[in-house]
Amino acid sequence: MHDSTDRIAECRQLADEADRLASTSSVEMTRKDYELLAQSWRRLALSYEFSTHLERFIKARESARRPTGI
């Protein structure tokens, strides 16, 4: 799980960096590109989060289905 939390943190960090670059850009097209990049990094982070939650859910369901006492 550390791998997924590391990936999520890295995506958020890269999104923050893209936001910072967007805020310092004087060229509108470049600023918009950085804003789009930040949005993409945040979407990827959300995707990793969803994947992690789904994996936990599936594992919990599988554990609940296993017969006990065997």
Foldseek 3Di string as FASTA:
>chain_A
DVVLVVLLVVLQVQLVVLCVVLVPDPDPVSSVVSNVSSVVSNVVSVVSVVVVVVVVVVVVVVVVPDDPDD
